[in-house]
Amino acid sequence: RNEPLKNGDIVTIDFVVNLHGALADSAWT
């Protein structure tokens, strides 16, 4: 969303890659 992250926040970015039909999934905080 269009909401600036603030000092002291944590954010988990999670996504799945499809590379020529092969999948991989990883999240990181």
mmCIF file of all heavy atoms, coordinates in Angstrom:
data_MODEL
# 
_entry.id   MODEL 
# 
loop_
_atom_site.group_PDB 
_atom_site.id 
_atom_site.type_symbol 
_atom_site.label_atom_id 
_atom_site.label_alt_id 
_atom_site.label_comp_id 
_atom_site.label_asym_id 
_atom_site.label_entity_id 
_atom_site.label_seq_id 
_atom_site.pdbx_PDB_ins_code 
_atom_site.Cartn_x 
_atom_site.Cartn_y 
_atom_site.Cartn_z 
_atom_site.occupancy 
_atom_site.B_iso_or_equiv 
_atom_site.pdbx_formal_charge 
_atom_site.auth_seq_id 
_atom_site.auth_comp_id 
_atom_site.auth_asym_id 
_atom_site.auth_atom_id 
_atom_site.pdbx_PDB_model_num 
ATOM 1   N N   . ARG A 1 1  ? 0.818  -1.212  0.000   1.00 0.00 ? 1  ARG A N   1 
ATOM 2   C CA  . ARG A 1 1  ? 0.000  0.000   0.000   1.00 0.00 ? 1  ARG A CA  1 
ATOM 3   C C   . ARG A 1 1  ? 0.856  1.268   0.000   1.00 0.00 ? 1  ARG A C   1 
ATOM 4   O O   . ARG A 1 1  ? 2.052  1.223   0.250   1.00 0.00 ? 1  ARG A O   1 
ATOM 5   C CB  . ARG A 1 1  ? -0.940 0.004   1.200   1.00 0.00 ? 1  ARG A CB  1 
ATOM 6   C CG  . ARG A 1 1  ? -0.279 -0.291  2.549   1.00 0.00 ? 1  ARG A CG  1 
ATOM 7   C CD  . ARG A 1 1  ? -1.355 -0.695  3.548   1.00 0.00 ? 1  ARG A CD  1 
ATOM 8   N NE  . ARG A 1 1  ? -0.877 -0.941  4.883   1.00 0.00 ? 1  ARG A NE  1 
ATOM 9   C CZ  . ARG A 1 1  ? -0.528 -2.141  5.348   1.00 0.00 ? 1  ARG A CZ  1 
ATOM 10  N NH1 . ARG A 1 1  ? -0.564 -3.204  4.559   1.00 0.00 ? 1  ARG A NH1 1 
ATOM 11  N NH2 . ARG A 1 1  ? -0.146 -2.289  6.605   1.00 0.00 ? 1  ARG A NH2 1 
ATOM 12  N N   . ASN A 1 2  ? 0.183  2.366   -0.297  1.00 0.00 ? 2  ASN A N   1 
ATOM 13  C CA  . ASN A 1 2  ? 0.823  3.682   -0.313  1.00 0.00 ? 2  ASN A CA  1 
ATOM 14  C C   . ASN A 1 2  ? 0.839  4.262   1.095   1.00 0.00 ? 2  ASN A C   1 
ATOM 15  O O   . ASN A 1 2  ? 0.166  5.251   1.384   1.00 0.00 ? 2  ASN A O   1 
ATOM 16  C CB  . ASN A 1 2  ? 0.077  4.620   -1.275  1.00 0.00 ? 2  ASN A CB  1 
ATOM 17  C CG  . ASN A 1 2  ? 0.448  4.350   -2.717  1.00 0.00 ? 2  ASN A CG  1 
ATOM 18  O OD1 . ASN A 1 2  ? 1.613  4.162   -3.044  1.00 0.00 ? 2  ASN A OD1 1 
ATOM 19  N ND2 . ASN A 1 2  ? -0.542 4.316   -3.585  1.00 0.00 ? 2  ASN A ND2 1 
ATOM 20  N N   . GLU A 1 3  ? 1.599  3.629   1.947   1.00 0.00 ? 3  GLU A N   1 
ATOM 21  C CA  . GLU A 1 3  ? 1.710  4.054   3.341   1.00 0.00 ? 3  GLU A CA  1 
ATOM 22  C C   . GLU A 1 3  ? 3.189  3.935   3.727   1.00 0.00 ? 3  GLU A C   1 
ATOM 23  O O   . GLU A 1 3  ? 3.730  2.835   3.736   1.00 0.00 ? 3  GLU A O   1 
ATOM 24  C CB  . GLU A 1 3  ? 0.847  3.138   4.215   1.00 0.00 ? 3  GLU A CB  1 
ATOM 25  C CG  . GLU A 1 3  ? 0.897  3.436   5.698   1.00 0.00 ? 3  GLU A CG  1 
ATOM 26  C CD  . GLU A 1 3  ? 0.083  2.420   6.481   1.00 0.00 ? 3  GLU A CD  1 
ATOM 27  O OE1 . GLU A 1 3  ? -1.087 2.176   6.106   1.00 0.00 ? 3  GLU A OE1 1 
ATOM 28  O OE2 . GLU A 1 3  ? 0.619  1.861   7.452   1.00 0.00 ? 3  GLU A OE2 1 
ATOM 29  N N   . PRO A 1 4  ? 3.854  5.062   4.001   1.00 0.00 ? 4  PRO A N   1 
ATOM 30  C CA  . PRO A 1 4  ? 5.292  5.004   4.264   1.00 0.00 ? 4  PRO A CA  1 
ATOM 31  C C   . PRO A 1 4  ? 5.610  4.150   5.491   1.00 0.00 ? 4  PRO A C   1 
ATOM 32  O O   . PRO A 1 4  ? 4.940  4.244   6.528   1.00 0.00 ? 4  PRO A O   1 
ATOM 33  C CB  . PRO A 1 4  ? 5.673  6.465   4.510   1.00 0.00 ? 4  PRO A CB  1 
ATOM 34  C CG  . PRO A 1 4  ? 4.565  7.279   3.917   1.00 0.00 ? 4  PRO A CG  1 
ATOM 35  C CD  . PRO A 1 4  ? 3.334  6.446   4.057   1.00 0.00 ? 4  PRO A CD  1 
ATOM 36  N N   . LEU A 1 5  ? 6.622  3.295   5.361   1.00 0.00 ? 5  LEU A N   1 
ATOM 37  C CA  . LEU A 1 5  ? 7.129  2.568   6.517   1.00 0.00 ? 5  LEU A CA  1 
ATOM 38  C C   . LEU A 1 5  ? 7.804  3.546   7.471   1.00 0.00 ? 5  LEU A C   1 
ATOM 39  O O   . LEU A 1 5  ? 8.428  4.517   7.036   1.00 0.00 ? 5  LEU A O   1 
ATOM 40  C CB  . LEU A 1 5  ? 8.116  1.490   6.064   1.00 0.00 ? 5  LEU A CB  1 
ATOM 41  C CG  . LEU A 1 5  ? 7.514  0.328   5.256   1.00 0.00 ? 5  LEU A CG  1 
ATOM 42  C CD1 . LEU A 1 5  ? 8.620  -0.564  4.710   1.00 0.00 ? 5  LEU A CD1 1 
ATOM 43  C CD2 . LEU A 1 5  ? 6.538  -0.474  6.102   1.00 0.00 ? 5  LEU A CD2 1 
ATOM 44  N N   . LYS A 1 6  ? 7.692  3.261   8.776   1.00 0.00 ? 6  LYS A N   1 
ATOM 45  C CA  . LYS A 1 6  ? 8.224  4.166   9.794   1.00 0.00 ? 6  LYS A CA  1 
ATOM 46  C C   . LYS A 1 6  ? 9.392  3.515   10.534  1.00 0.00 ? 6  LYS A C   1 
ATOM 47  O O   . LYS A 1 6  ? 9.502  2.287   10.604  1.00 0.00 ? 6  LYS A O   1 
ATOM 48  C CB  . LYS A 1 6  ? 7.126  4.530   10.806  1.00 0.00 ? 6  LYS A CB  1 
ATOM 49  C CG  . LYS A 1 6  ? 5.880  5.149   10.203  1.00 0.00 ? 6  LYS A CG  1 
ATOM 50  C CD  . LYS A 1 6  ? 4.889  5.595   11.276  1.00 0.00 ? 6  LYS A CD  1 
ATOM 51  C CE  . LYS A 1 6  ? 4.406  4.462   12.166  1.00 0.00 ? 6  LYS A CE  1 
ATOM 52  N NZ  . LYS A 1 6  ? 3.642  3.431   11.453  1.00 0.00 ? 6  LYS A NZ  1 
ATOM 53  N N   . ASN A 1 7  ? 10.248 4.359   11.085  1.00 0.00 ? 7  ASN A N   1 
ATOM 54  C CA  . ASN A 1 7  ? 11.325 3.867   11.927  1.00 0.00 ? 7  ASN A CA  1 
ATOM 55  C C   . ASN A 1 7  ? 10.738 3.014   13.059  1.00 0.00 ? 7  ASN A C   1 
ATOM 56  O O   . ASN A 1 7  ? 9.778  3.419   13.717  1.00 0.00 ? 7  ASN A O   1 
ATOM 57  C CB  . ASN A 1 7  ? 12.099 5.045   12.519  1.00 0.00 ? 7  ASN A CB  1 
ATOM 58  C CG  . ASN A 1 7  ? 13.343 4.604   13.244  1.00 0.00 ? 7  ASN A CG  1 
ATOM 59  O OD1 . ASN A 1 7  ? 14.248 4.040   12.641  1.00 0.00 ? 7  ASN A OD1 1 
ATOM 60  N ND2 . ASN A 1 7  ? 13.408 4.863   14.548  1.00 0.00 ? 7  ASN A ND2 1 
ATOM 61  N N   . GLY A 1 8  ? 11.296 1.814   13.251  1.00 0.00 ? 8  GLY A N   1 
ATOM 62  C CA  . GLY A 1 8  ? 10.798 0.919   14.292  1.00 0.00 ? 8  GLY A CA  1 
ATOM 63  C C   . GLY A 1 8  ? 9.831  -0.132  13.793  1.00 0.00 ? 8  GLY A C   1 
ATOM 64  O O   . GLY A 1 8  ? 9.490  -1.063  14.527  1.00 0.00 ? 8  GLY A O   1 
ATOM 65  N N   . ASP A 1 9  ? 9.343  0.010   12.540  1.00 0.00 ? 9  ASP A N   1 
ATOM 66  C CA  . ASP A 1 9  ? 8.474  -1.007  11.941  1.00 0.00 ? 9  ASP A CA  1 
ATOM 67  C C   . ASP A 1 9  ? 9.290  -2.249  11.585  1.00 0.00 ? 9  ASP A C   1 
ATOM 68  O O   . ASP A 1 9  ? 10.522 -2.204  11.444  1.00 0.00 ? 9  ASP A O   1 
ATOM 69  C CB  . ASP A 1 9  ? 7.837  -0.489  10.642  1.00 0.00 ? 9  ASP A CB  1 
ATOM 70  C CG  . ASP A 1 9  ? 6.715  0.504   10.864  1.00 0.00 ? 9  ASP A CG  1 
ATOM 71  O OD1 . ASP A 1 9  ? 6.211  0.599   11.998  1.00 0.00 ? 9  ASP A OD1 1 
ATOM 72  O OD2 . ASP A 1 9  ? 6.341  1.200   9.889   1.00 0.00 ? 9  ASP A OD2 1 
ATOM 73  N N   . ILE A 1 10 ? 8.572  -3.357  11.374  1.00 0.00 ? 10 ILE A N   1 
ATOM 74  C CA  . ILE A 1 10 ? 9.122  -4.500  10.640  1.00 0.00 ? 10 ILE A CA  1 
ATOM 75  C C   . ILE A 1 10 ? 8.163  -4.813  9.513   1.00 0.00 ? 10 ILE A C   1 
ATOM 76  O O   . ILE A 1 10 ? 6.960  -4.547  9.610   1.00 0.00 ? 10 ILE A O   1 
ATOM 77  C CB  . ILE A 1 10 ? 9.340  -5.741  11.533  1.00 0.00 ? 10 ILE A CB  1 
ATOM 78  C CG1 . ILE A 1 10 ? 8.047  -6.174  12.235  1.00 0.00 ? 10 ILE A CG1 1 
ATOM 79  C CG2 . ILE A 1 10 ? 10.447 -5.489  12.545  1.00 0.00 ? 10 ILE A CG2 1 
ATOM 80  C CD1 . ILE A 1 10 ? 8.165  -7.499  12.993  1.00 0.00 ? 10 ILE A CD1 1 
ATOM 81  N N   . VAL A 1 11 ? 8.695  -5.378  8.425   1.00 0.00 ? 11 VAL A N   1 
ATOM 82  C CA  . VAL A 1 11 ? 7.843  -5.718  7.290   1.00 0.00 ? 11 VAL A CA  1 
ATOM 83  C C   . VAL A 1 11 ? 8.313  -7.046  6.703   1.00 0.00 ? 11 VAL A C   1 
ATOM 84  O O   . VAL A 1 11 ? 9.497  -7.251  6.466   1.00 0.00 ? 11 VAL A O   1 
ATOM 85  C CB  . VAL A 1 11 ? 7.841  -4.608  6.212   1.00 0.00 ? 11 VAL A CB  1 
ATOM 86  C CG1 . VAL A 1 11 ? 9.238  -4.323  5.675   1.00 0.00 ? 11 VAL A CG1 1 
ATOM 87  C CG2 . VAL A 1 11 ? 6.878  -4.949  5.077   1.00 0.00 ? 11 VAL A CG2 1 
ATOM 88  N N   . THR A 1 12 ? 7.353  -7.957  6.519   1.00 0.00 ? 12 THR A N   1 
ATOM 89  C CA  . THR A 1 12 ? 7.642  -9.248  5.892   1.00 0.00 ? 12 THR A CA  1 
ATOM 90  C C   . THR A 1 12 ? 7.251  -9.178  4.423   1.00 0.00 ? 12 THR A C   1 
ATOM 91  O O   . THR A 1 12 ? 6.093  -8.914  4.095   1.00 0.00 ? 12 THR A O   1 
ATOM 92  C CB  . THR A 1 12 ? 6.864  -10.382 6.572   1.00 0.00 ? 12 THR A CB  1 
ATOM 93  O OG1 . THR A 1 12 ? 7.204  -10.431 7.955   1.00 0.00 ? 12 THR A OG1 1 
ATOM 94  C CG2 . THR A 1 12 ? 7.192  -11.726 5.926   1.00 0.00 ? 12 THR A CG2 1 
ATOM 95  N N   . ILE A 1 13 ? 8.235  -9.409  3.546   1.00 0.00 ? 13 ILE A N   1 
ATOM 96  C CA  . ILE A 1 13 ? 8.003  -9.441  2.103   1.00 0.00 ? 13 ILE A CA  1 
ATOM 97  C C   . ILE A 1 13 ? 8.036  -10.901 1.663   1.00 0.00 ? 13 ILE A C   1 
ATOM 98  O O   . ILE A 1 13 ? 9.040  -11.592 1.831   1.00 0.00 ? 13 ILE A O   1 
ATOM 99  C CB  . ILE A 1 13 ? 9.062  -8.625  1.336   1.00 0.00 ? 13 ILE A CB  1 
ATOM 100 C CG1 . ILE A 1 13 ? 9.116  -7.177  1.853   1.00 0.00 ? 13 ILE A CG1 1 
ATOM 101 C CG2 . ILE A 1 13 ? 8.766  -8.662  -0.165  1.00 0.00 ? 13 ILE A CG2 1 
ATOM 102 C CD1 . ILE A 1 13 ? 7.851  -6.378  1.670   1.00 0.00 ? 13 ILE A CD1 1 
ATOM 103 N N   . ASP A 1 14 ? 6.912  -11.352 1.103   1.00 0.00 ? 14 ASP A N   1 
ATOM 104 C CA  . ASP A 1 14 ? 6.718  -12.758 0.753   1.00 0.00 ? 14 ASP A CA  1 
ATOM 105 C C   . ASP A 1 14 ? 6.262  -12.827 -0.700  1.00 0.00 ? 14 ASP A C   1 
ATOM 106 O O   . ASP A 1 14 ? 5.317  -12.133 -1.087  1.00 0.00 ? 14 ASP A O   1 
ATOM 107 C CB  . ASP A 1 14 ? 5.647  -13.354 1.683   1.00 0.00 ? 14 ASP A CB  1 
ATOM 108 C CG  . ASP A 1 14 ? 5.377  -14.828 1.441   1.00 0.00 ? 14 ASP A CG  1 
ATOM 109 O OD1 . ASP A 1 14 ? 6.131  -15.474 0.687   1.00 0.00 ? 14 ASP A OD1 1 
ATOM 110 O OD2 . ASP A 1 14 ? 4.402  -15.336 2.021   1.00 0.00 ? 14 ASP A OD2 1 
ATOM 111 N N   . PHE A 1 15 ? 6.942  -13.638 -1.518  1.00 0.00 ? 15 PHE A N   1 
ATOM 112 C CA  . PHE A 1 15 ? 6.485  -13.796 -2.895  1.00 0.00 ? 15 PHE A CA  1 
ATOM 113 C C   . PHE A 1 15 ? 6.952  -15.119 -3.480  1.00 0.00 ? 15 PHE A C   1 
ATOM 114 O O   . PHE A 1 15 ? 7.856  -15.773 -2.962  1.00 0.00 ? 15 PHE A O   1 
ATOM 115 C CB  . PHE A 1 15 ? 6.902  -12.618 -3.781  1.00 0.00 ? 15 PHE A CB  1 
ATOM 116 C CG  . PHE A 1 15 ? 8.378  -12.336 -3.853  1.00 0.00 ? 15 PHE A CG  1 
ATOM 117 C CD1 . PHE A 1 15 ? 9.137  -12.751 -4.943  1.00 0.00 ? 15 PHE A CD1 1 
ATOM 118 C CD2 . PHE A 1 15 ? 9.016  -11.620 -2.840  1.00 0.00 ? 15 PHE A CD2 1 
ATOM 119 C CE1 . PHE A 1 15 ? 10.487 -12.475 -5.018  1.00 0.00 ? 15 PHE A CE1 1 
ATOM 120 C CE2 . PHE A 1 15 ? 10.371 -11.328 -2.917  1.00 0.00 ? 15 PHE A CE2 1 
ATOM 121 C CZ  . PHE A 1 15 ? 11.107 -11.764 -4.004  1.00 0.00 ? 15 PHE A CZ  1 
ATOM 122 N N   . VAL A 1 16 ? 6.267  -15.506 -4.560  1.00 0.00 ? 16 VAL A N   1 
ATOM 123 C CA  . VAL A 1 16 ? 6.531  -16.763 -5.256  1.00 0.00 ? 16 VAL A CA  1 
ATOM 124 C C   . VAL A 1 16 ? 6.982  -16.443 -6.672  1.00 0.00 ? 16 VAL A C   1 
ATOM 125 O O   . VAL A 1 16 ? 6.324  -15.689 -7.387  1.00 0.00 ? 16 VAL A O   1 
ATOM 126 C CB  . VAL A 1 16 ? 5.268  -17.648 -5.301  1.00 0.00 ? 16 VAL A CB  1 
ATOM 127 C CG1 . VAL A 1 16 ? 5.561  -18.979 -5.983  1.00 0.00 ? 16 VAL A CG1 1 
ATOM 128 C CG2 . VAL A 1 16 ? 4.713  -17.871 -3.899  1.00 0.00 ? 16 VAL A CG2 1 
ATOM 129 N N   . VAL A 1 17 ? 8.110  -17.022 -7.060  1.00 0.00 ? 17 VAL A N   1 
ATOM 130 C CA  . VAL A 1 17 ? 8.657  -16.816 -8.404  1.00 0.00 ? 17 VAL A CA  1 
ATOM 131 C C   . VAL A 1 17 ? 8.269  -17.986 -9.305  1.00 0.00 ? 17 VAL A C   1 
ATOM 132 O O   . VAL A 1 17 ? 8.391  -19.152 -8.910  1.00 0.00 ? 17 VAL A O   1 
ATOM 133 C CB  . VAL A 1 17 ? 10.191 -16.688 -8.349  1.00 0.00 ? 17 VAL A CB  1 
ATOM 134 C CG1 . VAL A 1 17 ? 10.799 -16.755 -9.747  1.00 0.00 ? 17 VAL A CG1 1 
ATOM 135 C CG2 . VAL A 1 17 ? 10.582 -15.390 -7.664  1.00 0.00 ? 17 VAL A CG2 1 
ATOM 136 N N   . ASN A 1 18 ? 7.801  -17.658 -10.489 1.00 0.00 ? 18 ASN A N   1 
ATOM 137 C CA  . ASN A 1 18 ? 7.585  -18.649 -11.537 1.00 0.00 ? 18 ASN A CA  1 
ATOM 138 C C   . ASN A 1 18 ? 8.596  -18.365 -12.642 1.00 0.00 ? 18 ASN A C   1 
ATOM 139 O O   . ASN A 1 18 ? 8.497  -17.359 -13.352 1.00 0.00 ? 18 ASN A O   1 
ATOM 140 C CB  . ASN A 1 18 ? 6.152  -18.566 -12.076 1.00 0.00 ? 18 ASN A CB  1 
ATOM 141 C CG  . ASN A 1 18 ? 5.872  -19.603 -13.164 1.00 0.00 ? 18 ASN A CG  1 
ATOM 142 O OD1 . ASN A 1 18 ? 6.755  -20.006 -13.904 1.00 0.00 ? 18 ASN A OD1 1 
ATOM 143 N ND2 . ASN A 1 18 ? 4.615  -20.009 -13.280 1.00 0.00 ? 18 ASN A ND2 1 
ATOM 144 N N   . LEU A 1 19 ? 9.589  -19.237 -12.764 1.00 0.00 ? 19 LEU A N   1 
ATOM 145 C CA  . LEU A 1 19 ? 10.613 -19.109 -13.803 1.00 0.00 ? 19 LEU A CA  1 
ATOM 146 C C   . LEU A 1 19 ? 10.449 -20.280 -14.764 1.00 0.00 ? 19 LEU A C   1 
ATOM 147 O O   . LEU A 1 19 ? 10.795 -21.417 -14.442 1.00 0.00 ? 19 LEU A O   1 
ATOM 148 C CB  . LEU A 1 19 ? 12.013 -19.109 -13.183 1.00 0.00 ? 19 LEU A CB  1 
ATOM 149 C CG  . LEU A 1 19 ? 13.181 -18.956 -14.169 1.00 0.00 ? 19 LEU A CG  1 
ATOM 150 C CD1 . LEU A 1 19 ? 13.128 -17.607 -14.887 1.00 0.00 ? 19 LEU A CD1 1 
ATOM 151 C CD2 . LEU A 1 19 ? 14.520 -19.146 -13.452 1.00 0.00 ? 19 LEU A CD2 1 
ATOM 152 N N   . HIS A 1 20 ? 9.854  -20.000 -15.914 1.00 0.00 ? 20 HIS A N   1 
ATOM 153 C CA  . HIS A 1 20 ? 9.629  -21.024 -16.949 1.00 0.00 ? 20 HIS A CA  1 
ATOM 154 C C   . HIS A 1 20 ? 8.860  -22.224 -16.389 1.00 0.00 ? 20 HIS A C   1 
ATOM 155 O O   . HIS A 1 20 ? 9.162  -23.376 -16.714 1.00 0.00 ? 20 HIS A O   1 
ATOM 156 C CB  . HIS A 1 20 ? 10.954 -21.482 -17.569 1.00 0.00 ? 20 HIS A CB  1 
ATOM 157 C CG  . HIS A 1 20 ? 11.841 -20.358 -18.004 1.00 0.00 ? 20 HIS A CG  1 
ATOM 158 N ND1 . HIS A 1 20 ? 11.402 -19.326 -18.816 1.00 0.00 ? 20 HIS A ND1 1 
ATOM 159 C CD2 . HIS A 1 20 ? 13.150 -20.092 -17.723 1.00 0.00 ? 20 HIS A CD2 1 
ATOM 160 C CE1 . HIS A 1 20 ? 12.410 -18.478 -19.026 1.00 0.00 ? 20 HIS A CE1 1 
ATOM 161 N NE2 . HIS A 1 20 ? 13.463 -18.920 -18.368 1.00 0.00 ? 20 HIS A NE2 1 
ATOM 162 N N   . GLY A 1 21 ? 7.901  -21.944 -15.513 1.00 0.00 ? 21 GLY A N   1 
ATOM 163 C CA  . GLY A 1 21 ? 7.042  -22.994 -14.982 1.00 0.00 ? 21 GLY A CA  1 
ATOM 164 C C   . GLY A 1 21 ? 7.516  -23.608 -13.679 1.00 0.00 ? 21 GLY A C   1 
ATOM 165 O O   . GLY A 1 21 ? 6.777  -24.366 -13.051 1.00 0.00 ? 21 GLY A O   1 
ATOM 166 N N   . ALA A 1 22 ? 8.745  -23.305 -13.259 1.00 0.00 ? 22 ALA A N   1 
ATOM 167 C CA  . ALA A 1 22 ? 9.268  -23.816 -11.991 1.00 0.00 ? 22 ALA A CA  1 
ATOM 168 C C   . ALA A 1 22 ? 9.042  -22.774 -10.902 1.00 0.00 ? 22 ALA A C   1 
ATOM 169 O O   . ALA A 1 22 ? 9.300  -21.585 -11.109 1.00 0.00 ? 22 ALA A O   1 
ATOM 170 C CB  . ALA A 1 22 ? 10.758 -24.136 -12.118 1.00 0.00 ? 22 ALA A CB  1 
ATOM 171 N N   . LEU A 1 23 ? 8.566  -23.221 -9.726  1.00 0.00 ? 23 LEU A N   1 
ATOM 172 C CA  . LEU A 1 23 ? 8.181  -22.304 -8.655  1.00 0.00 ? 23 LEU A CA  1 
ATOM 173 C C   . LEU A 1 23 ? 9.157  -22.341 -7.485  1.00 0.00 ? 23 LEU A C   1 
ATOM 174 O O   . LEU A 1 23 ? 9.766  -23.374 -7.196  1.00 0.00 ? 23 LEU A O   1 
ATOM 175 C CB  . LEU A 1 23 ? 6.788  -22.646 -8.127  1.00 0.00 ? 23 LEU A CB  1 
ATOM 176 C CG  . LEU A 1 23 ? 5.622  -22.672 -9.113  1.00 0.00 ? 23 LEU A CG  1 
ATOM 177 C CD1 . LEU A 1 23 ? 4.309  -22.868 -8.355  1.00 0.00 ? 23 LEU A CD1 1 
ATOM 178 C CD2 . LEU A 1 23 ? 5.576  -21.412 -9.959  1.00 0.00 ? 23 LEU A CD2 1 
ATOM 179 N N   . ALA A 1 24 ? 9.259  -21.209 -6.811  1.00 0.00 ? 24 ALA A N   1 
ATOM 180 C CA  . ALA A 1 24 ? 9.994  -21.106 -5.545  1.00 0.00 ? 24 ALA A CA  1 
ATOM 181 C C   . ALA A 1 24 ? 9.315  -20.032 -4.706  1.00 0.00 ? 24 ALA A C   1 
ATOM 182 O O   . ALA A 1 24 ? 8.799  -19.048 -5.235  1.00 0.00 ? 24 ALA A O   1 
ATOM 183 C CB  . ALA A 1 24 ? 11.457 -20.751 -5.787  1.00 0.00 ? 24 ALA A CB  1 
ATOM 184 N N   . ASP A 1 25 ? 9.349  -20.216 -3.377  1.00 0.00 ? 25 ASP A N   1 
ATOM 185 C CA  . ASP A 1 25 ? 8.581  -19.379 -2.453  1.00 0.00 ? 25 ASP A CA  1 
ATOM 186 C C   . ASP A 1 25 ? 9.465  -19.037 -1.258  1.00 0.00 ? 25 ASP A C   1 
ATOM 187 O O   . ASP A 1 25 ? 10.085 -19.926 -0.662  1.00 0.00 ? 25 ASP A O   1 
ATOM 188 C CB  . ASP A 1 25 ? 7.352  -20.186 -1.999  1.00 0.00 ? 25 ASP A CB  1 
ATOM 189 C CG  . ASP A 1 25 ? 6.369  -19.409 -1.147  1.00 0.00 ? 25 ASP A CG  1 
ATOM 190 O OD1 . ASP A 1 25 ? 6.597  -18.214 -0.903  1.00 0.00 ? 25 ASP A OD1 1 
ATOM 191 O OD2 . ASP A 1 25 ? 5.365  -20.023 -0.727  1.00 0.00 ? 25 ASP A OD2 1 
ATOM 192 N N   . SER A 1 26 ? 9.550  -17.752 -0.924  1.00 0.00 ? 26 SER A N   1 
ATOM 193 C CA  . SER A 1 26 ? 10.364 -17.355 0.229   1.00 0.00 ? 26 SER A CA  1 
ATOM 194 C C   . SER A 1 26 ? 9.854  -16.038 0.800   1.00 0.00 ? 26 SER A C   1 
ATOM 195 O O   . SER A 1 26 ? 9.465  -15.138 0.055   1.00 0.00 ? 26 SER A O   1 
ATOM 196 C CB  . SER A 1 26 ? 11.834 -17.204 -0.168  1.00 0.00 ? 26 SER A CB  1 
ATOM 197 O OG  . SER A 1 26 ? 12.630 -16.789 0.917   1.00 0.00 ? 26 SER A OG  1 
ATOM 198 N N   . ALA A 1 27 ? 9.870  -15.957 2.125   1.00 0.00 ? 27 ALA A N   1 
ATOM 199 C CA  . ALA A 1 27 ? 9.506  -14.724 2.839   1.00 0.00 ? 27 ALA A CA  1 
ATOM 200 C C   . ALA A 1 27 ? 10.656 -14.335 3.754   1.00 0.00 ? 27 ALA A C   1 
ATOM 201 O O   . ALA A 1 27 ? 11.382 -15.197 4.251   1.00 0.00 ? 27 ALA A O   1 
ATOM 202 C CB  . ALA A 1 27 ? 8.232  -14.934 3.659   1.00 0.00 ? 27 ALA A CB  1 
ATOM 203 N N   . TRP A 1 28 ? 10.787 -13.033 3.988   1.00 0.00 ? 28 TRP A N   1 
ATOM 204 C CA  . TRP A 1 28 ? 11.841 -12.517 4.861   1.00 0.00 ? 28 TRP A CA  1 
ATOM 205 C C   . TRP A 1 28 ? 11.287 -11.310 5.606   1.00 0.00 ? 28 TRP A C   1 
ATOM 206 O O   . TRP A 1 28 ? 10.585 -10.495 5.010   1.00 0.00 ? 28 TRP A O   1 
ATOM 207 C CB  . TRP A 1 28 ? 13.046 -12.113 4.020   1.00 0.00 ? 28 TRP A CB  1 
ATOM 208 C CG  . TRP A 1 28 ? 14.356 -12.528 4.597   1.00 0.00 ? 28 TRP A CG  1 
ATOM 209 C CD1 . TRP A 1 28 ? 15.336 -11.691 5.062   1.00 0.00 ? 28 TRP A CD1 1 
ATOM 210 C CD2 . TRP A 1 28 ? 14.869 -13.848 4.758   1.00 0.00 ? 28 TRP A CD2 1 
ATOM 211 N NE1 . TRP A 1 28 ? 16.422 -12.428 5.513   1.00 0.00 ? 28 TRP A NE1 1 
ATOM 212 C CE2 . TRP A 1 28 ? 16.153 -13.768 5.338   1.00 0.00 ? 28 TRP A CE2 1 
ATOM 213 C CE3 . TRP A 1 28 ? 14.351 -15.127 4.491   1.00 0.00 ? 28 TRP A CE3 1 
ATOM 214 C CZ2 . TRP A 1 28 ? 16.930 -14.874 5.651   1.00 0.00 ? 28 TRP A CZ2 1 
ATOM 215 C CZ3 . TRP A 1 28 ? 15.125 -16.234 4.786   1.00 0.00 ? 28 TRP A CZ3 1 
ATOM 216 C CH2 . TRP A 1 28 ? 16.389 -16.096 5.358   1.00 0.00 ? 28 TRP A CH2 1 
ATOM 217 N N   . THR A 1 29 ? 11.582 -11.215 6.884   1.00 0.00 ? 29 THR A N   1 
ATOM 218 C CA  . THR A 1 29 ? 11.158 -10.049 7.656   1.00 0.00 ? 29 THR A CA  1 
ATOM 219 C C   . THR A 1 29 ? 12.317 -9.072  7.787   1.00 0.00 ? 29 THR A C   1 
ATOM 220 O O   . THR A 1 29 ? 13.424 -9.461  8.176   1.00 0.00 ? 29 THR A O   1 
ATOM 221 C CB  . THR A 1 29 ? 10.659 -10.458 9.053   1.00 0.00 ? 29 THR A CB  1 
ATOM 222 O OG1 . THR A 1 29 ? 9.527  -11.328 8.903   1.00 0.00 ? 29 THR A OG1 1 
ATOM 223 C CG2 . THR A 1 29 ? 10.223 -9.233  9.853   1.00 0.00 ? 29 THR A CG2 1 
# 
